[in-house]
Protein backbone atom coordinates (compact mmCIF):
# COMPACT_ATOMS: atom_id res chain seq x y z
CA MET A 1 -20.72 0.01 -22.57
CA ASP A 2 -23.27 2.05 -20.80
CA GLU A 3 -26.87 0.83 -20.39
CA ALA A 4 -29.66 2.78 -22.27
CA LYS A 5 -31.54 4.89 -19.90
CA THR A 6 -35.31 4.77 -20.23
CA ASP A 7 -37.61 7.53 -20.46
CA PRO A 8 -41.48 7.83 -21.06
CA THR A 9 -41.01 9.55 -24.29
CA THR A 10 -38.81 6.72 -25.73
CA SER A 11 -39.04 3.52 -27.67
CA GLU A 12 -36.77 0.70 -26.36
CA GLY A 13 -34.95 3.31 -24.22
CA THR A 14 -33.54 5.33 -27.06
CA THR A 15 -34.51 9.07 -26.57
CA ARG A 16 -36.49 10.95 -29.16
CA ARG A 17 -33.99 13.85 -28.83
CA PHE A 18 -31.23 11.41 -29.99
CA PHE A 19 -33.36 10.06 -33.00
CA LEU A 20 -33.95 13.57 -34.10
CA GLY A 21 -30.14 14.40 -33.93
CA ALA A 22 -29.22 11.19 -35.63
CA ALA A 23 -31.77 11.53 -38.43
CA ALA A 24 -30.55 14.94 -39.18
CA GLY A 25 -26.94 13.67 -39.43
CA LEU A 26 -27.84 10.53 -41.40
CA THR A 27 -29.76 12.50 -43.83
CA GLY A 28 -27.59 15.50 -44.13
CA ALA A 29 -30.15 17.95 -42.73
CA ALA A 30 -27.94 19.04 -39.66
CA LEU A 31 -28.10 22.71 -38.97
CA ALA A 32 -24.27 22.80 -39.61
CA ALA A 33 -25.13 22.47 -43.41
CA THR A 34 -26.55 26.10 -43.17
CA ALA A 35 -24.66 29.25 -42.47
CA ALA A 36 -23.21 28.57 -38.89
CA HIS A 37 -20.99 30.07 -36.33
CA ALA A 38 -18.48 27.39 -34.83
CA GLN A 39 -18.09 27.64 -31.22
CA GLY A 40 -14.74 29.45 -30.47
CA GLY A 41 -11.72 29.09 -28.05
CA ASP A 42 -10.71 25.68 -29.16
CA ALA A 43 -7.96 26.17 -31.74
CA ALA A 44 -6.22 23.14 -31.01
CA ILE A 45 -9.18 20.89 -31.83
CA ALA A 46 -10.43 22.96 -34.60
CA ALA A 47 -6.98 22.44 -36.38
CA ALA A 48 -7.55 18.82 -36.19
CA ALA A 49 -10.62 19.25 -38.39
CA ASP A 50 -8.40 20.53 -40.96
CA ARG A 51 -5.17 18.45 -40.93
CA SER A 52 -4.22 14.93 -39.90
CA PHE A 53 -1.90 13.98 -37.27
CA THR A 54 0.26 10.88 -36.74
CA GLY A 55 2.31 9.25 -34.02
CA GLY A 56 1.11 9.72 -30.46
CA THR A 57 -0.82 13.16 -30.94
CA LEU A 58 -4.29 11.82 -31.33
CA ASN A 59 -6.43 9.57 -29.02
CA LEU A 60 -9.77 8.29 -29.28
CA LEU A 61 -11.67 6.90 -26.07
CA ILE A 62 -14.97 4.86 -26.23
CA ASP A 63 -16.27 4.27 -22.71
CA LYS A 64 -12.96 5.31 -21.27
CA GLN A 65 -10.94 2.72 -23.25
CA GLN A 66 -8.49 3.32 -25.88
CA ALA A 67 -10.04 2.52 -29.47
CA GLY A 68 -6.88 1.58 -31.00
CA ALA A 69 -4.03 3.46 -32.97
CA LEU A 70 -5.67 6.62 -34.25
CA HIS A 71 -4.27 7.55 -37.57
CA SER A 72 -6.16 10.76 -38.21
CA ALA A 73 -9.28 12.63 -37.24
CA SER A 74 -11.62 15.21 -38.26
CA GLY A 75 -15.05 16.83 -37.57
CA GLY A 76 -16.81 17.30 -34.19
CA GLU A 77 -17.80 21.00 -34.85
CA ILE A 78 -20.36 22.66 -32.58
CA SER A 79 -22.50 25.23 -34.51
CA SER A 80 -25.81 26.93 -34.77
CA GLN A 81 -27.99 28.36 -37.48
CA VAL A 82 -28.41 32.04 -38.07
CA VAL A 83 -32.04 33.17 -38.69
CA LEU A 84 -32.72 36.58 -40.12
CA GLU A 85 -35.83 38.44 -38.76
CA LYS A 86 -37.98 40.96 -40.64
CA VAL A 87 -36.50 44.39 -41.51
CA GLY A 88 -36.95 46.43 -38.45
CA GLU A 89 -36.85 50.09 -37.73
CA GLY A 90 -34.01 52.04 -39.45
CA GLY A 91 -33.61 49.19 -42.03
CA ILE A 92 -31.90 46.86 -39.55
CA VAL A 93 -32.28 43.24 -39.97
CA LYS A 94 -32.02 41.53 -36.49
CA LYS A 95 -30.62 38.16 -36.31
CA HIS A 96 -30.86 35.41 -33.63
CA LEU A 97 -29.55 31.81 -33.35
CA ALA A 98 -32.04 28.72 -33.45
CA GLY A 99 -30.94 25.52 -32.17
CA ILE A 100 -27.50 23.85 -31.85
CA ALA A 101 -25.90 21.22 -33.98
CA TYR A 102 -23.15 18.81 -33.14
CA GLY A 103 -21.04 17.50 -36.18
CA GLU A 104 -20.11 14.14 -36.74
CA PHE A 105 -16.39 12.91 -36.18
CA ASP A 106 -14.51 11.04 -38.78
CA PHE A 107 -11.75 8.82 -37.42
CA ARG A 108 -9.11 6.54 -39.37
CA LEU A 109 -7.45 3.99 -37.35
CA ASP A 110 -4.78 1.28 -38.15
CA PHE A 111 -5.63 -2.37 -37.97
CA PRO A 112 -6.33 -3.90 -35.63
CA VAL A 113 -8.85 -1.82 -33.59
CA SER A 114 -9.85 -2.42 -29.98
CA SER A 115 -12.66 -4.97 -29.07
CA ASN A 116 -14.95 -2.17 -27.54
CA LEU A 117 -14.71 -0.32 -30.99
CA GLY A 118 -15.40 -3.58 -32.57
CA ALA A 119 -18.46 -4.09 -30.42
CA GLU A 120 -19.90 -0.63 -31.42
CA ILE A 121 -19.42 -1.44 -35.13
CA GLN A 122 -21.23 -4.65 -34.51
CA SER A 123 -24.12 -2.57 -33.05
CA MET A 124 -24.35 -0.54 -36.21
CA PHE A 125 -24.48 -3.69 -38.38
CA ASP A 126 -27.00 -5.31 -36.14
CA ARG A 127 -28.98 -1.99 -35.87
CA THR A 128 -29.26 -2.45 -32.15
CA PHE A 129 -28.52 1.24 -31.41
CA ASP A 130 -25.89 0.67 -28.85
CA ARG A 131 -24.88 4.19 -27.62
CA PHE A 132 -21.77 5.07 -25.87
CA ASP A 133 -19.83 7.94 -24.70
CA GLY A 134 -16.25 8.94 -25.58
CA ALA A 135 -13.46 11.40 -25.99
CA PHE A 136 -11.39 12.84 -28.79
CA GLN A 137 -7.98 14.00 -27.50
CA MET A 138 -4.97 15.87 -28.93
CA ALA A 139 -1.61 15.80 -27.26
CA ASP A 140 1.97 17.32 -27.70
CA ALA A 141 5.11 15.56 -28.48
CA SER A 142 5.21 14.42 -24.72
CA ARG A 143 1.74 13.07 -25.00
CA LYS A 144 0.30 15.70 -22.71
CA VAL A 145 -3.37 16.45 -23.52
CA VAL A 146 -3.72 19.85 -24.94
CA GLY A 147 -7.14 19.62 -26.39
CA GLU A 148 -10.14 17.53 -25.67
CA ARG A 149 -13.80 17.17 -26.64
CA THR A 150 -16.03 14.71 -24.99
CA PHE A 151 -19.18 13.26 -26.50
CA THR A 152 -22.24 11.28 -25.37
CA ASN A 153 -24.80 9.11 -26.65
CA ALA A 154 -22.83 8.59 -29.73
CA LEU A 155 -23.53 5.84 -32.65
CA ILE A 156 -21.26 4.51 -35.14
CA THR A 157 -23.06 5.58 -38.49
CA GLU A 158 -20.45 4.81 -41.16
CA VAL A 159 -17.81 2.07 -41.62
CA GLY A 160 -15.07 2.39 -44.47
CA PHE A 161 -13.01 -0.80 -45.34
CA PRO A 162 -10.07 0.14 -47.53
CA ALA A 163 -9.40 -0.40 -51.21
CA CYS A 164 -7.42 -3.49 -51.76
CA ASP A 165 -4.83 -3.29 -54.52
CA ALA A 166 -2.09 -5.83 -55.35
CA ALA A 167 0.16 -2.99 -56.60
CA SER A 168 -0.22 -0.85 -53.67
CA LYS A 169 2.36 -0.14 -50.93
CA ASP A 170 -0.05 1.90 -48.64
CA THR A 171 -1.19 0.89 -45.31
CA ALA A 172 -4.67 -0.21 -44.87
CA THR A 173 -6.82 1.51 -42.51
CA LEU A 174 -10.30 1.53 -41.18
CA THR A 175 -12.51 4.63 -41.14
CA VAL A 176 -15.46 4.99 -38.68
CA LYS A 177 -17.95 8.01 -38.66
CA VAL A 178 -19.39 8.76 -35.00
CA THR A 179 -22.60 10.59 -34.62
CA PRO A 180 -23.01 12.10 -31.16
CA GLU A 181 -25.89 13.68 -29.33
CA THR A 182 -23.80 16.13 -27.65
CA ILE A 183 -20.20 17.39 -27.81
CA LYS A 184 -18.65 19.33 -24.94
CA ARG A 185 -15.29 21.08 -24.99
CA THR A 186 -12.87 20.60 -22.05
CA ALA A 187 -11.79 24.03 -20.81
CA LYS A 188 -8.58 23.00 -19.13
CA PRO A 189 -7.74 19.49 -20.29
CA SER A 190 -5.18 17.56 -18.10
CA GLY A 191 -3.34 14.35 -18.18
CA THR A 192 -1.58 12.38 -20.77
CA VAL A 193 -2.69 9.96 -23.50
CA PRO A 194 -1.24 6.36 -23.33
CA ALA A 195 1.37 5.46 -26.19
CA PRO A 196 -0.66 4.18 -29.10
CA PRO A 197 -0.88 0.25 -29.52
CA LYS A 198 2.08 -1.19 -31.17
CA VAL A 199 0.69 -2.59 -34.60
CA LYS A 200 2.32 -4.14 -37.54
CA ASN A 201 1.32 -2.34 -40.73
CA VAL A 202 -1.32 -4.09 -42.75
CA LEU A 203 -0.74 -3.38 -46.29
CA ALA A 204 -3.46 -3.00 -48.73
CA SER A 205 -1.80 -5.30 -51.25
CA ASN A 206 -2.24 -8.34 -48.64
CA PHE A 207 -5.71 -9.39 -49.44
CA LYS A 208 -7.78 -12.45 -50.51
CA LEU A 209 -10.91 -12.57 -52.24
CA ALA A 210 -13.20 -15.69 -52.46
CA ILE A 211 -16.63 -15.87 -54.18
CA GLY A 212 -18.28 -19.24 -54.67
CA GLY A 213 -17.65 -20.87 -57.97
CA LEU A 214 -15.51 -18.00 -59.34
CA ASP A 215 -11.79 -17.93 -59.99
CA CYS A 216 -10.50 -15.06 -57.72
CA THR A 217 -6.83 -15.78 -58.10
CA ARG A 218 -6.25 -12.98 -60.64
CA VAL A 219 -8.11 -10.30 -58.95
CA SER A 220 -5.79 -7.18 -58.68
CA ARG A 221 -8.09 -4.57 -57.07
CA ILE A 222 -11.32 -4.15 -55.16
CA GLU A 223 -12.68 -0.73 -54.64
CA ALA A 224 -13.16 0.71 -51.20
CA ILE A 225 -16.20 -0.34 -49.54
CA THR A 226 -18.22 1.83 -47.28
CA VAL A 227 -21.36 0.95 -45.25
CA LYS A 228 -23.63 3.47 -43.81
CA LEU A 229 -26.52 3.60 -41.28
CA ALA A 230 -29.24 5.50 -43.01
CA VAL A 231 -32.97 6.22 -42.14
CA GLN A 232 -35.89 5.95 -44.30
CA ASP A 233 -38.64 8.55 -43.77
CA THR A 234 -42.02 6.97 -43.34
CA GLY A 235 -44.00 10.13 -43.48
CA SER A 236 -44.74 10.03 -39.62
CA VAL A 237 -44.23 13.27 -37.59
CA ASP A 238 -42.60 10.94 -35.07
CA LEU A 239 -39.17 10.24 -36.33
CA ARG A 240 -39.07 6.96 -34.34
CA ASP A 241 -41.30 5.51 -36.90
CA GLY A 242 -38.58 5.83 -39.51
CA LEU A 243 -36.84 2.66 -40.79
CA PHE A 244 -33.15 2.35 -40.09
CA PHE A 245 -31.29 0.36 -42.43
CA LEU A 246 -27.81 -0.20 -43.81
CA GLU A 247 -26.67 1.35 -47.12
CA ILE A 248 -24.88 -1.63 -48.77
CA PRO A 249 -22.54 -0.54 -51.67
CA ASP A 250 -21.90 -2.43 -54.90
CA LEU A 251 -18.57 -4.17 -55.27
CA SER A 252 -16.09 -3.03 -58.09
CA ILE A 253 -13.74 -5.78 -58.92
CA THR A 254 -10.67 -5.70 -61.24
CA LEU A 255 -9.31 -9.06 -62.65
CA LEU A 256 -7.26 -10.21 -65.54
CA GLU A 257 -9.26 -11.26 -68.63
CA SER A 258 -7.08 -14.50 -68.86
CA SER A 259 -8.52 -15.93 -65.73
CA ALA A 260 -12.10 -14.59 -66.13
CA GLN A 261 -13.80 -17.49 -67.84
CA THR A 262 -15.94 -18.41 -64.66
CA TRP A 263 -16.92 -14.72 -64.58
CA PHE A 264 -17.98 -14.71 -68.13
CA ASP A 265 -19.96 -17.87 -67.53
CA TRP A 266 -21.83 -16.55 -64.64
CA PHE A 267 -22.48 -13.06 -66.36
CA ASP A 268 -23.88 -14.83 -69.30
CA ASP A 269 -26.22 -17.00 -67.22
CA PHE A 270 -27.12 -14.38 -64.65
CA VAL A 271 -27.64 -11.18 -66.85
CA VAL A 272 -27.93 -12.43 -70.57
CA LYS A 273 -30.00 -15.57 -69.84
CA GLY A 274 -31.75 -13.95 -66.99
CA ASN A 275 -31.31 -16.71 -64.56
CA ASN A 276 -31.01 -14.27 -61.40
CA ASP A 277 -33.38 -15.21 -58.80
CA ASP A 278 -32.13 -15.71 -55.20
CA THR A 279 -30.83 -19.11 -55.82
CA GLN A 280 -28.37 -17.95 -58.41
CA GLU A 281 -26.83 -15.18 -56.35
CA ARG A 282 -23.51 -16.06 -54.57
CA SER A 283 -21.83 -15.43 -51.35
CA GLY A 284 -18.08 -14.43 -50.65
CA THR A 285 -15.50 -13.11 -48.29
CA LEU A 286 -12.60 -10.48 -48.54
CA SER A 287 -9.93 -10.80 -46.10
CA LEU A 288 -7.12 -8.48 -45.15
CA LEU A 289 -4.03 -10.47 -44.34
CA SER A 290 -0.91 -9.80 -41.99
CA SER A 291 2.26 -9.58 -43.67
CA ASP A 292 3.10 -13.32 -43.67
CA LEU A 293 -0.21 -13.78 -45.66
CA LYS A 294 -1.29 -16.38 -43.15
CA THR A 295 -3.25 -14.54 -40.54
CA THR A 296 -6.68 -12.75 -41.17
CA VAL A 297 -6.65 -9.36 -39.85
CA ALA A 298 -10.19 -8.40 -40.79
CA SER A 299 -12.62 -9.49 -43.29
CA ILE A 300 -15.95 -8.70 -44.85
CA SER A 301 -18.56 -11.51 -45.90
CA PHE A 302 -20.74 -10.90 -48.57
CA SER A 303 -24.45 -12.35 -48.98
CA HIS A 304 -26.76 -12.44 -52.08
CA LEU A 305 -24.17 -11.17 -54.64
CA GLY A 306 -25.46 -10.82 -58.11
CA ILE A 307 -23.21 -9.58 -61.24
CA PHE A 308 -24.66 -6.81 -63.42
CA GLY A 309 -21.46 -5.59 -65.23
CA LEU A 310 -18.51 -7.24 -66.95
CA GLU A 311 -16.39 -4.81 -68.99
CA PRO A 312 -12.91 -4.09 -70.14
CA THR A 313 -11.13 -1.27 -68.12
CA GLU A 314 -10.26 1.83 -69.71
CA ASP A 315 -6.60 1.05 -69.83
CA ALA A 316 -7.00 -2.61 -70.94
CA THR A 317 -4.62 -3.01 -73.62
CA GLY A 318 -2.24 -5.74 -75.15
CA ASP A 319 -3.35 -9.40 -75.16
CA SER A 320 -5.67 -11.37 -73.15
CA LYS A 321 -2.81 -12.18 -70.69
CA THR A 322 -2.50 -8.50 -69.52
CA ARG A 323 -5.98 -7.09 -70.33
CA ARG A 324 -8.13 -6.46 -67.36
CA LEU A 325 -11.84 -6.46 -66.77
CA ARG A 326 -13.91 -4.61 -64.22
CA ALA A 327 -16.71 -6.72 -62.68
CA GLN A 328 -19.66 -4.84 -60.99
CA LEU A 329 -21.67 -6.81 -58.49
CA TYR A 330 -24.55 -6.01 -56.07
CA CYS A 331 -24.75 -7.02 -52.65
CA GLU A 332 -27.65 -7.28 -50.40
CA GLN A 333 -25.90 -8.10 -46.88
CA MET A 334 -22.31 -7.77 -45.51
CA LYS A 335 -20.88 -8.62 -42.21
CA LEU A 336 -17.69 -7.21 -40.86
CA ASN A 337 -15.18 -9.42 -38.86
CA ILE A 338 -12.55 -7.44 -36.86
CA GLY A 339 -10.44 -9.55 -34.56
CA GLY A 340 -12.49 -12.56 -34.45
CA LYS A 341 -15.91 -11.73 -34.19
CA ALA A 342 -18.40 -11.15 -37.30
CA THR A 343 -20.54 -8.02 -36.88
């Protein structure tokens, strides 16, 4: 990973230009949200924004190293805003462009991902703003590169952990959103992409949930978890004065009513009786397991969990042995562990 370059207009080596671009992307105020004209002449990469590819056709490089088995990709548009001028002579409205915007990339990868990608994800969770360069490549059946866009000074700004479902046969994948400072199209790409890493599919049904003091043995589903890097506007004209923080989602957990007594007890004490200060909050871990159900492939640890909802699901019918409940929990802190090191 490249070291941050210092600049007299920066704070801790992070350029004001980057913070302006990152804040725009994080708050949805990027120029691409308005009427825009995408940069042409790049049909191969543009197609990747509209459809997914599998096998060896896609490749993601982070600091010149393969990030993992890339399942699909989209985004990375280059655009500008069209500004209308006053009506001129002959009733003609002149137009011109204002600024340039670089869209975010959305990548979906199979587990496990590379250590360098794991380090960049850790930077997001730690809010250390570790910037990196990279490239998104598309290759033909022979793995010859036919389209490439390089990007610079990027941050991981969103990480998505898959939904876990005991009845699912789907492969579990990790989604990451990359917000770059600049994107450049390679006019004449060359070379080949390496074969994707050989991985054993991790199923969304192979998971284990543990929360202190609760019976989690009959948990059947946990909705997808997406953590985002966000910026809070402090009112200052200098965006470096903004406060960057993690948007931590609530947990939605489905379980059998027949095994939910500990959940009912906690809900009654925490919600109904009002014993819900910090000392009554709980911690837990959600683990994705290998096919033998013995090895943890990735996990999320939760801190300061509090329950605020416990109701039957819409399809909860029959007796208590088959009826299901949906528990809603807030969470203040999450840490992601991919391949051995918690972020």
